[in-house]
PDB file of N, CA and C in Angstrom:
ATOM      1  N   UNK A   1       9.495  -4.869   2.110  1.00  0.00           N
ATOM      2  CA  UNK A   1       9.209  -6.031   2.863  1.00  0.00           C
ATOM      3  C   UNK A   1       7.662  -6.106   4.091  1.00  0.00           C
ATOM      4  N   UNK A   2       7.004  -6.968   3.690  1.00  0.00           N
ATOM      5  CA  UNK A   2       5.763  -7.070   4.379  1.00  0.00           C
ATOM      6  C   UNK A   2       5.874  -7.560   5.866  1.00  0.00           C
ATOM      7  N   UNK A   3       5.170  -6.950   6.677  1.00  0.00           N
ATOM      8  CA  UNK A   3       5.407  -7.565   8.313  1.00  0.00           C
ATOM      9  C   UNK A   3       3.839  -7.787   8.741  1.00  0.00           C
ATOM     10  N   UNK A   4       3.887  -8.809   9.857  1.00  0.00           N
ATOM     11  CA  UNK A   4       2.725  -8.692  10.640  1.00  0.00           C
ATOM     12  C   UNK A   4       3.170  -8.352  11.784  1.00  0.00           C
ATOM     13  N   UNK A   5       2.815  -7.951  13.034  1.00  0.00           N
ATOM     14  CA  UNK A   5       3.185  -7.367  14.227  1.00  0.00           C
ATOM     15  C   UNK A   5       2.698  -8.525  15.027  1.00  0.00           C
ATOM     16  N   UNK A   6       3.200  -9.374  15.121  1.00  0.00           N
ATOM     17  CA  UNK A   6       2.826 -11.044  16.083  1.00  0.00           C
ATOM     18  C   UNK A   6       2.514 -10.562  17.403  1.00  0.00           C
ATOM     19  N   UNK A   7       3.627  -9.484  17.947  1.00  0.00           N
ATOM     20  CA  UNK A   7       3.757  -9.058  19.228  1.00  0.00           C
ATOM     21  C   UNK A   7       2.566  -8.643  19.444  1.00  0.00           C
ATOM     22  N   UNK A   8       1.431  -7.715  18.686  1.00  0.00           N
ATOM     23  CA  UNK A   8      -0.127  -7.288  19.257  1.00  0.00           C
ATOM     24  C   UNK A   8      -0.971  -8.385  18.973  1.00  0.00           C
ATOM     25  N   UNK A   9      -0.347  -9.470  18.573  1.00  0.00           N
ATOM     26  CA  UNK A   9      -1.341 -10.572  18.756  1.00  0.00           C
ATOM     27  C   UNK A   9      -1.280 -11.405  19.697  1.00  0.00           C
ATOM     28  N   UNK A  10      -0.614 -11.121  20.664  1.00  0.00           N
ATOM     29  CA  UNK A  10      -0.132 -11.970  21.868  1.00  0.00           C
ATOM     30  C   UNK A  10      -1.521 -12.248  22.673  1.00  0.00           C
ATOM     31  N   UNK A  11      -2.130 -11.014  23.190  1.00  0.00           N
ATOM     32  CA  UNK A  11      -3.516 -11.020  23.838  1.00  0.00           C
ATOM     33  C   UNK A  11      -4.796 -12.068  23.120  1.00  0.00           C
ATOM     34  N   UNK A  12      -4.692 -12.179  21.990  1.00  0.00           N
ATOM     35  CA  UNK A  12      -5.699 -12.946  21.274  1.00  0.00           C
ATOM     36  C   UNK A  12      -5.232 -14.672  20.943  1.00  0.00           C
ATOM     37  N   UNK A  13      -4.010 -14.563  21.163  1.00  0.00           N
ATOM     38  CA  UNK A  13      -3.310 -15.782  21.136  1.00  0.00           C
ATOM     39  C   UNK A  13      -3.503 -16.113  22.698  1.00  0.00           C
ATOM     40  N   UNK A  14      -3.541 -15.887  23.707  1.00  0.00           N
ATOM     41  CA  UNK A  14      -3.798 -16.346  24.958  1.00  0.00           C
ATOM     42  C   UNK A  14      -5.422 -16.713  24.925  1.00  0.00           C
ATOM     43  N   UNK A  15      -6.201 -15.694  24.301  1.00  0.00           N
ATOM     44  CA  UNK A  15      -7.699 -15.798  24.398  1.00  0.00           C
ATOM     45  C   UNK A  15      -8.092 -16.910  23.518  1.00  0.00           C
ATOM     46  N   UNK A  16      -7.227 -17.711  22.468  1.00  0.00           N
ATOM     47  CA  UNK A  16      -7.631 -18.519  21.854  1.00  0.00           C
ATOM     48  C   UNK A  16      -7.085 -19.593  22.597  1.00  0.00           C
ATOM     49  N   UNK A  17      -6.236 -19.993  23.712  1.00  0.00           N
ATOM     50  CA  UNK A  17      -5.681 -20.632  24.247  1.00  0.00           C
ATOM     51  C   UNK A  17      -6.268 -21.136  25.194  1.00  0.00           C
ATOM     52  N   UNK A  18      -6.976 -19.943  25.778  1.00  0.00           N
ATOM     53  CA  UNK A  18      -7.913 -20.333  26.886  1.00  0.00           C
ATOM     54  C   UNK A  18      -9.083 -21.031  26.553  1.00  0.00           C
ATOM     55  N   UNK A  19     -10.031 -20.174  25.384  1.00  0.00           N
ATOM     56  CA  UNK A  19     -11.151 -20.985  24.907  1.00  0.00           C
ATOM     57  C   UNK A  19     -11.101 -22.118  24.267  1.00  0.00           C
ATOM     58  N   UNK A  20     -10.016 -22.864  23.577  1.00  0.00           N
ATOM     59  CA  UNK A  20      -9.528 -23.775  22.976  1.00  0.00           C
ATOM     60  C   UNK A  20      -8.961 -24.723  23.724  1.00  0.00           C
ATOM     61  N   UNK A  21      -8.433 -24.590  25.203  1.00  0.00           N
ATOM     62  CA  UNK A  21      -8.192 -25.305  25.769  1.00  0.00           C
ATOM     63  C   UNK A  21      -6.890 -25.803  25.412  1.00  0.00           C
ATOM     64  N   UNK A  22      -5.994 -24.884  24.956  1.00  0.00           N
ATOM     65  CA  UNK A  22      -4.932 -25.561  24.292  1.00  0.00           C
ATOM     66  C   UNK A  22      -3.451 -24.730  24.810  1.00  0.00           C
ATOM     67  N   UNK A  23      -2.248 -25.365  24.415  1.00  0.00           N
ATOM     68  CA  UNK A  23      -1.510 -24.603  24.929  1.00  0.00           C
ATOM     69  C   UNK A  23      -0.793 -23.568  24.021  1.00  0.00           C
ATOM     70  N   UNK A  24      -0.095 -22.604  24.388  1.00  0.00           N
ATOM     71  CA  UNK A  24       0.111 -21.465  23.809  1.00  0.00           C
ATOM     72  C   UNK A  24       0.558 -21.599  22.225  1.00  0.00           C
ATOM     73  N   UNK A  25       1.416 -22.655  22.070  1.00  0.00           N
ATOM     74  CA  UNK A  25       2.028 -23.024  20.616  1.00  0.00           C
ATOM     75  C   UNK A  25       0.767 -23.394  19.729  1.00  0.00           C
ATOM     76  N   UNK A  26       0.164 -24.259  20.174  1.00  0.00           N
ATOM     77  CA  UNK A  26      -0.876 -24.807  19.518  1.00  0.00           C
ATOM     78  C   UNK A  26      -1.909 -23.376  19.299  1.00  0.00           C
ATOM     79  N   UNK A  27      -2.081 -22.747  20.341  1.00  0.00           N
ATOM     80  CA  UNK A  27      -3.192 -21.396  19.968  1.00  0.00           C
ATOM     81  C   UNK A  27      -2.225 -20.447  18.872  1.00  0.00           C
ATOM     82  N   UNK A  28      -1.249 -20.642  18.551  1.00  0.00           N
ATOM     83  CA  UNK A  28      -0.526 -19.333  18.106  1.00  0.00           C
ATOM     84  C   UNK A  28      -0.317 -20.095  16.507  1.00  0.00           C
ATOM     85  N   UNK A  29      -0.344 -21.443  16.242  1.00  0.00           N
ATOM     86  CA  UNK A  29      -0.608 -22.147  15.254  1.00  0.00           C
ATOM     87  C   UNK A  29      -2.250 -21.909  14.451  1.00  0.00           C
ATOM     88  N   UNK A  30      -3.243 -21.898  15.544  1.00  0.00           N
ATOM     89  CA  UNK A  30      -4.788 -21.839  15.370  1.00  0.00           C
ATOM     90  C   UNK A  30      -4.863 -20.059  15.093  1.00  0.00           C
ATOM     91  N   UNK A  31      -4.148 -19.203  15.543  1.00  0.00           N
ATOM     92  CA  UNK A  31      -3.988 -17.754  15.115  1.00  0.00           C
ATOM     93  C   UNK A  31      -3.682 -17.712  13.672  1.00  0.00           C
ATOM     94  N   UNK A  32      -2.360 -18.219  13.641  1.00  0.00           N
ATOM     95  CA  UNK A  32      -1.949 -18.074  12.118  1.00  0.00           C
ATOM     96  C   UNK A  32      -2.745 -18.561  11.158  1.00  0.00           C
ATOM     97  N   UNK A  33      -3.833 -19.874  11.428  1.00  0.00           N
ATOM     98  CA  UNK A  33      -4.638 -20.520  10.484  1.00  0.00           C
ATOM     99  C   UNK A  33      -5.582 -19.762  10.149  1.00  0.00           C
ATOM    100  N   UNK A  34      -6.232 -18.656  11.253  1.00  0.00           N
ATOM    101  CA  UNK A  34      -7.236 -18.010  11.325  1.00  0.00           C
ATOM    102  C   UNK A  34      -6.822 -16.420  10.074  1.00  0.00           C
ATOM    103  N   UNK A  35      -5.317 -16.357  10.171  1.00  0.00           N
ATOM    104  CA  UNK A  35      -5.055 -15.254   9.169  1.00  0.00           C
ATOM    105  C   UNK A  35      -4.994 -15.714   7.750  1.00  0.00           C
ATOM    106  N   UNK A  36      -4.632 -16.933   7.781  1.00  0.00           N
ATOM    107  CA  UNK A  36      -4.794 -17.647   6.262  1.00  0.00           C
ATOM    108  C   UNK A  36      -5.965 -17.907   6.090  1.00  0.00           C
ATOM    109  N   UNK A  37      -7.020 -17.839   7.085  1.00  0.00           N
ATOM    110  CA  UNK A  37      -8.105 -18.150   6.622  1.00  0.00           C
ATOM    111  C   UNK A  37      -9.451 -16.646   6.049  1.00  0.00           C
ATOM    112  N   UNK A  38      -8.541 -15.520   7.021  1.00  0.00           N
ATOM    113  CA  UNK A  38      -8.886 -14.319   6.792  1.00  0.00           C
ATOM    114  C   UNK A  38     -10.502 -14.091   7.692  1.00  0.00           C
ATOM    115  N   UNK A  39     -10.531 -15.007   8.801  1.00  0.00           N
ATOM    116  CA  UNK A  39     -11.582 -15.099   9.487  1.00  0.00           C
ATOM    117  C   UNK A  39     -11.249 -15.854  10.960  1.00  0.00           C
ATOM    118  N   UNK A  40     -11.642 -15.341  12.026  1.00  0.00           N
ATOM    119  CA  UNK A  40     -11.437 -15.882  13.158  1.00  0.00           C
ATOM    120  C   UNK A  40     -12.361 -16.867  13.601  1.00  0.00           C
ATOM    121  N   UNK A  41     -11.955 -18.515  13.089  1.00  0.00           N
ATOM    122  CA  UNK A  41     -12.625 -19.196  13.141  1.00  0.00           C
ATOM    123  C   UNK A  41     -12.701 -19.781  14.307  1.00  0.00           C
ATOM    124  N   UNK A  42     -11.325 -20.105  15.352  1.00  0.00           N
ATOM    125  CA  UNK A  42     -11.529 -20.547  16.652  1.00  0.00           C
ATOM    126  C   UNK A  42     -11.876 -19.593  17.758  1.00  0.00           C
ATOM    127  N   UNK A  43     -12.429 -20.343  18.645  1.00  0.00           N
ATOM    128  CA  UNK A  43     -13.205 -19.814  20.102  1.00  0.00           C
ATOM    129  C   UNK A  43     -12.159 -18.945  20.360  1.00  0.00           C
ATOM    130  N   UNK A  44     -12.428 -17.743  20.932  1.00  0.00           N
ATOM    131  CA  UNK A  44     -11.436 -16.651  21.594  1.00  0.00           C
ATOM    132  C   UNK A  44     -11.047 -15.619  20.582  1.00  0.00           C
ATOM    133  N   UNK A  45     -11.345 -16.016  19.650  1.00  0.00           N
ATOM    134  CA  UNK A  45     -10.848 -14.990  18.349  1.00  0.00           C
ATOM    135  C   UNK A  45     -11.336 -13.729  18.382  1.00  0.00           C
ATOM    136  N   UNK A  46     -12.568 -13.391  18.896  1.00  0.00           N
ATOM    137  CA  UNK A  46     -13.145 -12.159  19.160  1.00  0.00           C
ATOM    138  C   UNK A  46     -13.493 -11.778  20.419  1.00  0.00           C
ATOM    139  N   UNK A  47     -13.005 -12.787  21.621  1.00  0.00           N
ATOM    140  CA  UNK A  47     -13.412 -12.747  22.955  1.00  0.00           C
ATOM    141  C   UNK A  47     -12.930 -11.067  23.465  1.00  0.00           C
ATOM    142  N   UNK A  48     -11.894 -10.718  23.126  1.00  0.00           N
ATOM    143  CA  UNK A  48     -11.515  -9.479  23.656  1.00  0.00           C
ATOM    144  C   UNK A  48     -11.917  -8.030  23.120  1.00  0.00           C
ATOM    145  N   UNK A  49     -12.844  -8.081  22.255  1.00  0.00           N
ATOM    146  CA  UNK A  49     -13.512  -7.073  21.658  1.00  0.00           C
ATOM    147  C   UNK A  49     -12.879  -6.908  20.473  1.00  0.00           C
ATOM    148  N   UNK A  50     -13.271  -5.591  19.863  1.00  0.00           N
ATOM    149  CA  UNK A  50     -12.695  -4.649  18.751  1.00  0.00           C
ATOM    150  C   UNK A  50     -11.529  -4.119  18.753  1.00  0.00           C
ATOM    151  N   UNK A  51     -10.748  -3.860  20.013  1.00  0.00           N
ATOM    152  CA  UNK A  51      -9.864  -2.974  20.268  1.00  0.00           C
ATOM    153  C   UNK A  51      -8.842  -4.170  20.013  1.00  0.00           C
ATOM    154  N   UNK A  52      -8.924  -5.462  20.454  1.00  0.00           N
ATOM    155  CA  UNK A  52      -7.779  -6.391  20.318  1.00  0.00           C
ATOM    156  C   UNK A  52      -7.867  -7.593  19.777  1.00  0.00           C
ATOM    157  N   UNK A  53      -9.028  -7.456  18.739  1.00  0.00           N
ATOM    158  CA  UNK A  53      -9.492  -8.199  17.707  1.00  0.00           C
ATOM    159  C   UNK A  53      -8.729  -7.842  16.443  1.00  0.00           C
ATOM    160  N   UNK A  54      -7.978  -8.978  15.723  1.00  0.00           N
ATOM    161  CA  UNK A  54      -7.024  -8.276  14.593  1.00  0.00           C
ATOM    162  C   UNK A  54      -8.143  -8.466  13.447  1.00  0.00           C
ATOM    163  N   UNK A  55      -7.571  -7.916  12.415  1.00  0.00           N
ATOM    164  CA  UNK A  55      -8.524  -7.663  11.218  1.00  0.00           C
ATOM    165  C   UNK A  55      -8.039  -8.479  10.390  1.00  0.00           C
ATOM    166  N   UNK A  56      -8.841  -9.913  10.526  1.00  0.00           N
ATOM    167  CA  UNK A  56      -8.240 -11.032   9.987  1.00  0.00           C
ATOM    168  C   UNK A  56      -8.168 -11.205   8.189  1.00  0.00           C
ATOM    169  N   UNK A  57      -9.389 -10.169   7.921  1.00  0.00           N
ATOM    170  CA  UNK A  57      -9.419 -10.027   6.444  1.00  0.00           C
ATOM    171  C   UNK A  57      -7.817  -9.409   5.766  1.00  0.00           C
ATOM    172  N   UNK A  58      -7.808  -8.205   6.551  1.00  0.00           N
ATOM    173  CA  UNK A  58      -6.535  -7.372   6.130  1.00  0.00           C
ATOM    174  C   UNK A  58      -5.526  -8.331   6.200  1.00  0.00           C
ATOM    175  N   UNK A  59      -4.890  -8.799   7.121  1.00  0.00           N
ATOM    176  CA  UNK A  59      -4.269  -9.917   7.370  1.00  0.00           C
ATOM    177  C   UNK A  59      -3.721 -10.919   6.382  1.00  0.00           C
ATOM    178  N   UNK A  60      -5.195 -11.361   6.044  1.00  0.00           N
ATOM    179  CA  UNK A  60      -4.896 -12.554   4.943  1.00  0.00           C
ATOM    180  C   UNK A  60      -4.607 -11.833   3.765  1.00  0.00           C
ATOM    181  N   UNK A  61      -5.170 -10.286   3.440  1.00  0.00           N
ATOM    182  CA  UNK A  61      -4.888  -9.859   2.130  1.00  0.00           C
ATOM    183  C   UNK A  61      -3.246  -9.621   2.291  1.00  0.00           C
ATOM    184  N   UNK A  62      -2.715  -9.162   3.238  1.00  0.00           N
ATOM    185  CA  UNK A  62      -1.288  -9.180   3.200  1.00  0.00           C
ATOM    186  C   UNK A  62      -0.414 -10.681   3.301  1.00  0.00           C
ATOM    187  N   UNK A  63      -1.011 -11.571   3.725  1.00  0.00           N
ATOM    188  CA  UNK A  63      -0.352 -12.637   3.643  1.00  0.00           C
ATOM    189  C   UNK A  63      -0.536 -13.151   2.327  1.00  0.00           C
ATOM    190  N   UNK A  64      -1.558 -13.242   1.440  1.00  0.00           N
ATOM    191  CA  UNK A  64      -1.742 -13.185   0.252  1.00  0.00           C
ATOM    192  C   UNK A  64      -0.976 -13.056  -0.817  1.00  0.00           C
ATOM    193  N   UNK A  65      -0.692 -11.447  -0.444  1.00  0.00           N
ATOM    194  CA  UNK A  65       0.008 -10.339  -1.340  1.00  0.00           C
ATOM    195  C   UNK A  65       1.476 -10.646  -1.164  1.00  0.00           C
ATOM    196  N   UNK A  66       2.010 -12.028  -0.421  1.00  0.00           N
ATOM    197  CA  UNK A  66       3.291 -11.805  -0.117  1.00  0.00           C
ATOM    198  C   UNK A  66       4.485 -13.050  -1.067  1.00  0.00           C
ATOM    199  N   UNK A  67       5.165 -12.429  -1.566  1.00  0.00           N
ATOM    200  CA  UNK A  67       5.783 -13.454  -2.338  1.00  0.00           C
ATOM    201  C   UNK A  67       6.474 -14.475  -1.294  1.00  0.00           C
ATOM    202  N   UNK A  68       7.260 -15.328  -1.935  1.00  0.00           N
ATOM    203  CA  UNK A  68       7.403 -16.480  -1.203  1.00  0.00           C
ATOM    204  C   UNK A  68       8.823 -16.123   0.095  1.00  0.00           C
ATOM    205  N   UNK A  69       9.802 -15.712  -0.431  1.00  0.00           N
ATOM    206  CA  UNK A  69      10.470 -14.762   0.433  1.00  0.00           C
ATOM    207  C   UNK A  69      10.030 -14.274   1.754  1.00  0.00           C
ATOM    208  N   UNK A  70       9.116 -13.208   1.361  1.00  0.00           N
ATOM    209  CA  UNK A  70       8.206 -12.566   2.277  1.00  0.00           C
ATOM    210  C   UNK A  70       7.576 -13.191   3.301  1.00  0.00           C
ATOM    211  N   UNK A  71       7.003 -14.353   2.820  1.00  0.00           N
ATOM    212  CA  UNK A  71       6.090 -15.634   3.550  1.00  0.00           C
ATOM    213  C   UNK A  71       7.293 -15.968   4.540  1.00  0.00           C
ATOM    214  N   UNK A  72       8.325 -16.240   3.845  1.00  0.00           N
ATOM    215  CA  UNK A  72       9.165 -16.882   4.972  1.00  0.00           C
ATOM    216  C   UNK A  72      10.025 -15.968   5.834  1.00  0.00           C
ATOM    217  N   UNK A  73       9.932 -14.617   5.581  1.00  0.00           N
ATOM    218  CA  UNK A  73      10.325 -13.694   6.489  1.00  0.00           C
ATOM    219  C   UNK A  73       9.254 -13.602   7.619  1.00  0.00           C
ATOM    220  N   UNK A  74       7.998 -13.570   7.297  1.00  0.00           N
ATOM    221  CA  UNK A  74       6.605 -13.821   8.375  1.00  0.00           C
ATOM    222  C   UNK A  74       7.062 -14.906   9.003  1.00  0.00           C
ATOM    223  N   UNK A  75       7.268 -16.087   8.745  1.00  0.00           N
ATOM    224  CA  UNK A  75       7.155 -17.336   9.299  1.00  0.00           C
ATOM    225  C   UNK A  75       8.400 -17.286  10.193  1.00  0.00           C
ATOM    226  N   UNK A  76       9.684 -16.424  10.050  1.00  0.00           N
ATOM    227  CA  UNK A  76      10.735 -16.387  10.821  1.00  0.00           C
ATOM    228  C   UNK A  76      10.309 -15.329  12.140  1.00  0.00           C
ATOM    229  N   UNK A  77       9.720 -14.300  11.537  1.00  0.00           N
ATOM    230  CA  UNK A  77       9.065 -13.241  12.870  1.00  0.00           C
ATOM    231  C   UNK A  77       8.086 -14.057  13.809  1.00  0.00           C
ATOM    232  N   UNK A  78       7.253 -15.109  13.015  1.00  0.00           N
ATOM    233  CA  UNK A  78       6.256 -15.729  13.859  1.00  0.00           C
ATOM    234  C   UNK A  78       7.167 -16.581  14.805  1.00  0.00           C
ATOM    235  N   UNK A  79       7.902 -17.387  14.414  1.00  0.00           N
ATOM    236  CA  UNK A  79       8.757 -18.062  15.291  1.00  0.00           C
ATOM    237  C   UNK A  79       9.468 -17.373  16.690  1.00  0.00           C
ATOM    238  N   UNK A  80      10.147 -16.323  16.028  1.00  0.00           N
ATOM    239  CA  UNK A  80      10.563 -15.347  16.962  1.00  0.00           C
ATOM    240  C   UNK A  80       9.384 -15.117  18.194  1.00  0.00           C
ATOM    241  N   UNK A  81       8.384 -14.632  17.866  1.00  0.00           N
ATOM    242  CA  UNK A  81       7.189 -14.129  18.731  1.00  0.00           C
ATOM    243  C   UNK A  81       6.701 -15.217  19.828  1.00  0.00           C
ATOM    244  N   UNK A  82       6.885 -16.796  18.967  1.00  0.00           N
ATOM    245  CA  UNK A  82       6.552 -17.874  19.628  1.00  0.00           C
ATOM    246  C   UNK A  82       7.619 -17.969  20.637  1.00  0.00           C
ATOM    247  N   UNK A  83       8.843 -17.940  20.529  1.00  0.00           N
ATOM    248  CA  UNK A  83       9.830 -18.189  21.250  1.00  0.00           C
ATOM    249  C   UNK A  83       9.963 -16.953  22.673  1.00  0.00           C
ATOM    250  N   UNK A  84       9.510 -15.904  22.120  1.00  0.00           N
ATOM    251  CA  UNK A  84       9.560 -14.989  23.113  1.00  0.00           C
ATOM    252  C   UNK A  84       8.217 -14.934  24.105  1.00  0.00           C
ATOM    253  N   UNK A  85       7.135 -15.501  23.480  1.00  0.00           N
ATOM    254  CA  UNK A  85       6.170 -16.115  24.489  1.00  0.00           C
ATOM    255  C   UNK A  85       6.318 -17.296  25.700  1.00  0.00           C
ATOM    256  N   UNK A  86       7.285 -18.203  24.777  1.00  0.00           N
ATOM    257  CA  UNK A  86       7.871 -19.501  25.924  1.00  0.00           C
ATOM    258  C   UNK A  86       8.399 -18.468  26.658  1.00  0.00           C
ATOM    259  N   UNK A  87       9.650 -17.857  26.189  1.00  0.00           N
ATOM    260  CA  UNK A  87      10.451 -17.283  27.206  1.00  0.00           C
ATOM    261  C   UNK A  87       9.852 -16.225  28.686  1.00  0.00           C
ATOM    262  N   UNK A  88       8.889 -16.085  28.073  1.00  0.00           N
ATOM    263  CA  UNK A  88       8.162 -15.215  29.432  1.00  0.00           C
ATOM    264  C   UNK A  88       6.413 -15.918  29.539  1.00  0.00           C
ATOM    265  N   UNK A  89       6.947 -16.916  29.607  1.00  0.00           N
ATOM    266  CA  UNK A  89       5.585 -17.737  29.705  1.00  0.00           C
ATOM    267  C   UNK A  89       4.682 -17.424  30.790  1.00  0.00           C
ATOM    268  N   UNK A  90       5.616 -17.501  32.131  1.00  0.00           N
ATOM    269  CA  UNK A  90       5.272 -17.423  33.496  1.00  0.00           C
ATOM    270  C   UNK A  90       4.764 -16.061  33.650  1.00  0.00           C
ATOM    271  N   UNK A  91       5.450 -14.883  32.996  1.00  0.00           N
ATOM    272  CA  UNK A  91       5.002 -13.613  33.409  1.00  0.00           C
ATOM    273  C   UNK A  91       3.790 -13.888  32.655  1.00  0.00           C
ATOM    274  N   UNK A  92       3.389 -13.986  31.250  1.00  0.00           N
ATOM    275  CA  UNK A  92       2.350 -13.753  30.307  1.00  0.00           C
ATOM    276  C   UNK A  92       0.988 -14.396  31.271  1.00  0.00           C
ATOM    277  N   UNK A  93       1.287 -15.584  31.877  1.00  0.00           N
ATOM    278  CA  UNK A  93      -0.087 -16.314  32.327  1.00  0.00           C
ATOM    279  C   UNK A  93      -0.180 -15.267  33.482  1.00  0.00           C
ATOM    280  N   UNK A  94       0.911 -14.899  34.319  1.00  0.00           N
ATOM    281  CA  UNK A  94       0.221 -14.123  35.536  1.00  0.00           C
ATOM    282  C   UNK A  94      -0.483 -12.704  35.278  1.00  0.00           C
ATOM    283  N   UNK A  95      -0.087 -12.179  33.939  1.00  0.00           N
ATOM    284  CA  UNK A  95      -0.626 -11.251  33.489  1.00  0.00           C
ATOM    285  C   UNK A  95      -2.145 -11.246  32.877  1.00  0.00           C
ATOM    286  N   UNK A  96      -1.896 -12.464  32.438  1.00  0.00           N
ATOM    287  CA  UNK A  96      -3.429 -12.996  31.779  1.00  0.00           C
ATOM    288  C   UNK A  96      -4.405 -12.907  32.776  1.00  0.00           C
ATOM    289  N   UNK A  97      -3.941 -13.503  34.193  1.00  0.00           N
ATOM    290  CA  UNK A  97      -5.300 -14.211  35.099  1.00  0.00           C
ATOM    291  C   UNK A  97      -5.146 -13.063  36.040  1.00  0.00           C
ATOM    292  N   UNK A  98      -4.489 -11.943  35.920  1.00  0.00           N
ATOM    293  CA  UNK A  98      -4.831 -10.995  36.844  1.00  0.00           C
ATOM    294  C   UNK A  98      -5.800 -10.024  36.628  1.00  0.00           C
ATOM    295  N   UNK A  99      -6.935 -10.062  37.283  1.00  0.00           N
ATOM    296  CA  UNK A  99      -8.084  -9.891  37.107  1.00  0.00           C
ATOM    297  C   UNK A  99      -8.134  -8.258  37.901  1.00  0.00           C
ATOM    298  N   UNK A 100      -7.088  -7.860  38.695  1.00  0.00           N
ATOM    299  CA  UNK A 100      -7.298  -6.912  39.309  1.00  0.00           C
ATOM    300  C   UNK A 100      -6.919  -5.616  38.219  1.00  0.00           C
ATOM    301  N   UNK A 101      -6.426  -6.109  37.334  1.00  0.00           N
ATOM    302  CA  UNK A 101      -6.107  -5.145  36.191  1.00  0.00           C
ATOM    303  C   UNK A 101      -7.150  -5.084  35.230  1.00  0.00           C
ATOM    304  N   UNK A 102      -7.431  -3.777  34.523  1.00  0.00           N
ATOM    305  CA  UNK A 102      -8.177  -3.937  33.278  1.00  0.00           C
ATOM    306  C   UNK A 102      -7.772  -4.793  32.441  1.00  0.00           C
ATOM    307  N   UNK A 103      -8.651  -5.347  31.548  1.00  0.00           N
ATOM    308  CA  UNK A 103      -8.322  -5.946  30.405  1.00  0.00           C
ATOM    309  C   UNK A 103      -7.410  -5.105  29.524  1.00  0.00           C
ATOM    310  N   UNK A 104      -7.688  -3.963  29.293  1.00  0.00           N
ATOM    311  CA  UNK A 104      -6.987  -3.244  28.393  1.00  0.00           C
ATOM    312  C   UNK A 104      -5.321  -2.792  28.954  1.00  0.00           C
ATOM    313  N   UNK A 105      -5.241  -2.672  30.203  1.00  0.00           N
ATOM    314  CA  UNK A 105      -3.942  -2.874  30.656  1.00  0.00           C
ATOM    315  C   UNK A 105      -3.219  -4.214  30.910  1.00  0.00           C
ATOM    316  N   UNK A 106      -3.775  -5.244  30.875  1.00  0.00           N
ATOM    317  CA  UNK A 106      -3.465  -6.754  30.814  1.00  0.00           C
ATOM    318  C   UNK A 106      -2.634  -6.769  29.630  1.00  0.00           C
ATOM    319  N   UNK A 107      -3.547  -6.606  28.190  1.00  0.00           N
ATOM    320  CA  UNK A 107      -3.354  -6.676  27.098  1.00  0.00           C
ATOM    321  C   UNK A 107      -2.038  -6.047  26.689  1.00  0.00           C
ATOM    322  N   UNK A 108      -2.112  -4.765  27.108  1.00  0.00           N
ATOM    323  CA  UNK A 108      -0.832  -3.881  26.521  1.00  0.00           C
ATOM    324  C   UNK A 108       0.608  -4.386  27.339  1.00  0.00           C
ATOM    325  N   UNK A 109       0.084  -5.010  28.696  1.00  0.00           N
ATOM    326  CA  UNK A 109       1.706  -5.186  29.305  1.00  0.00           C
ATOM    327  C   UNK A 109       2.088  -6.363  28.650  1.00  0.00           C
ATOM    328  N   UNK A 110       0.949  -7.324  27.935  1.00  0.00           N
ATOM    329  CA  UNK A 110       1.455  -8.784  27.715  1.00  0.00           C
ATOM    330  C   UNK A 110       2.514  -8.239  26.177  1.00  0.00           C
ATOM    331  N   UNK A 111       1.752  -7.129  25.265  1.00  0.00           N
ATOM    332  CA  UNK A 111       2.305  -6.916  24.167  1.00  0.00           C
ATOM    333  C   UNK A 111       3.662  -6.519  24.432  1.00  0.00           C
ATOM    334  N   UNK A 112       3.729  -5.528  25.495  1.00  0.00           N
ATOM    335  CA  UNK A 112       4.922  -4.681  25.987  1.00  0.00           C
ATOM    336  C   UNK A 112       6.024  -5.974  26.440  1.00  0.00           C
ATOM    337  N   UNK A 113       5.743  -7.135  26.938  1.00  0.00           N
ATOM    338  CA  UNK A 113       6.715  -7.769  27.492  1.00  0.00           C
ATOM    339  C   UNK A 113       7.349  -8.580  26.170  1.00  0.00           C
ATOM    340  N   UNK A 114       6.363  -8.958  25.358  1.00  0.00           N
ATOM    341  CA  UNK A 114       7.178  -9.878  24.273  1.00  0.00           C
ATOM    342  C   UNK A 114       7.845  -9.167  22.975  1.00  0.00           C
ATOM    343  N   UNK A 115       7.893  -7.748  23.195  1.00  0.00           N
ATOM    344  CA  UNK A 115       8.401  -6.860  22.069  1.00  0.00           C
ATOM    345  C   UNK A 115       9.659  -6.719  22.535  1.00  0.00           C
ATOM    346  N   UNK A 116      10.388  -6.753  21.699  1.00  0.00           N
ATOM    347  CA  UNK A 116      11.896  -6.689  21.885  1.00  0.00           C
ATOM    348  C   UNK A 116      12.239  -5.112  22.042  1.00  0.00           C
ATOM    349  N   UNK A 117      13.121  -4.640  23.242  1.00  0.00           N
ATOM    350  CA  UNK A 117      13.320  -3.385  23.402  1.00  0.00           C
ATOM    351  C   UNK A 117      13.564  -2.430  22.290  1.00  0.00           C
ATOM    352  N   UNK A 118      14.181  -2.991  21.449  1.00  0.00           N
ATOM    353  CA  UNK A 118      14.835  -1.861  20.076  1.00  0.00           C
ATOM    354  C   UNK A 118      13.341  -1.425  19.364  1.00  0.00           C
ATOM    355  N   UNK A 119      12.439  -2.404  19.353  1.00  0.00           N
ATOM    356  CA  UNK A 119      11.331  -1.916  18.695  1.00  0.00           C
ATOM    357  C   UNK A 119      10.009  -1.593  19.136  1.00  0.00           C
ATOM    358  N   UNK A 120      10.099  -0.932  20.584  1.00  0.00           N
ATOM    359  CA  UNK A 120       9.291  -0.404  21.196  1.00  0.00           C
ATOM    360  C   UNK A 120       9.343   1.452  20.861  1.00  0.00           C
ATOM    361  N   UNK A 121       8.288   1.970  20.553  1.00  0.00           N
ATOM    362  CA  UNK A 121       8.314   3.434  20.372  1.00  0.00           C
ATOM    363  C   UNK A 121       8.257   4.239  21.603  1.00  0.00           C
TER     364      UNK A 121
END
């Protein structure tokens, strides 16, 4: 089963939301469109630097290589991720805007916040 770790894409989703002036749900859809296009076409897609910029081409290749059943699984995972971001919206916004913390720390904290405890290594 092919997987996209949507949790790791939380910071870039917030970057797109900020740069496009969209809510987090719309930004998540824009990020998914970037993946299907194989390129970060929306503002904020590359704003966090290489460490937090997804490999859009590799993710597109993964998406294109999926069976219909695997795409349904990816869509289910996407919806779970979106719900996790909604559940932690206030905390994510506080982390995102805390300029006393480094970008690296903020991004890491955001990913950890939306990652279910049973999947953290």
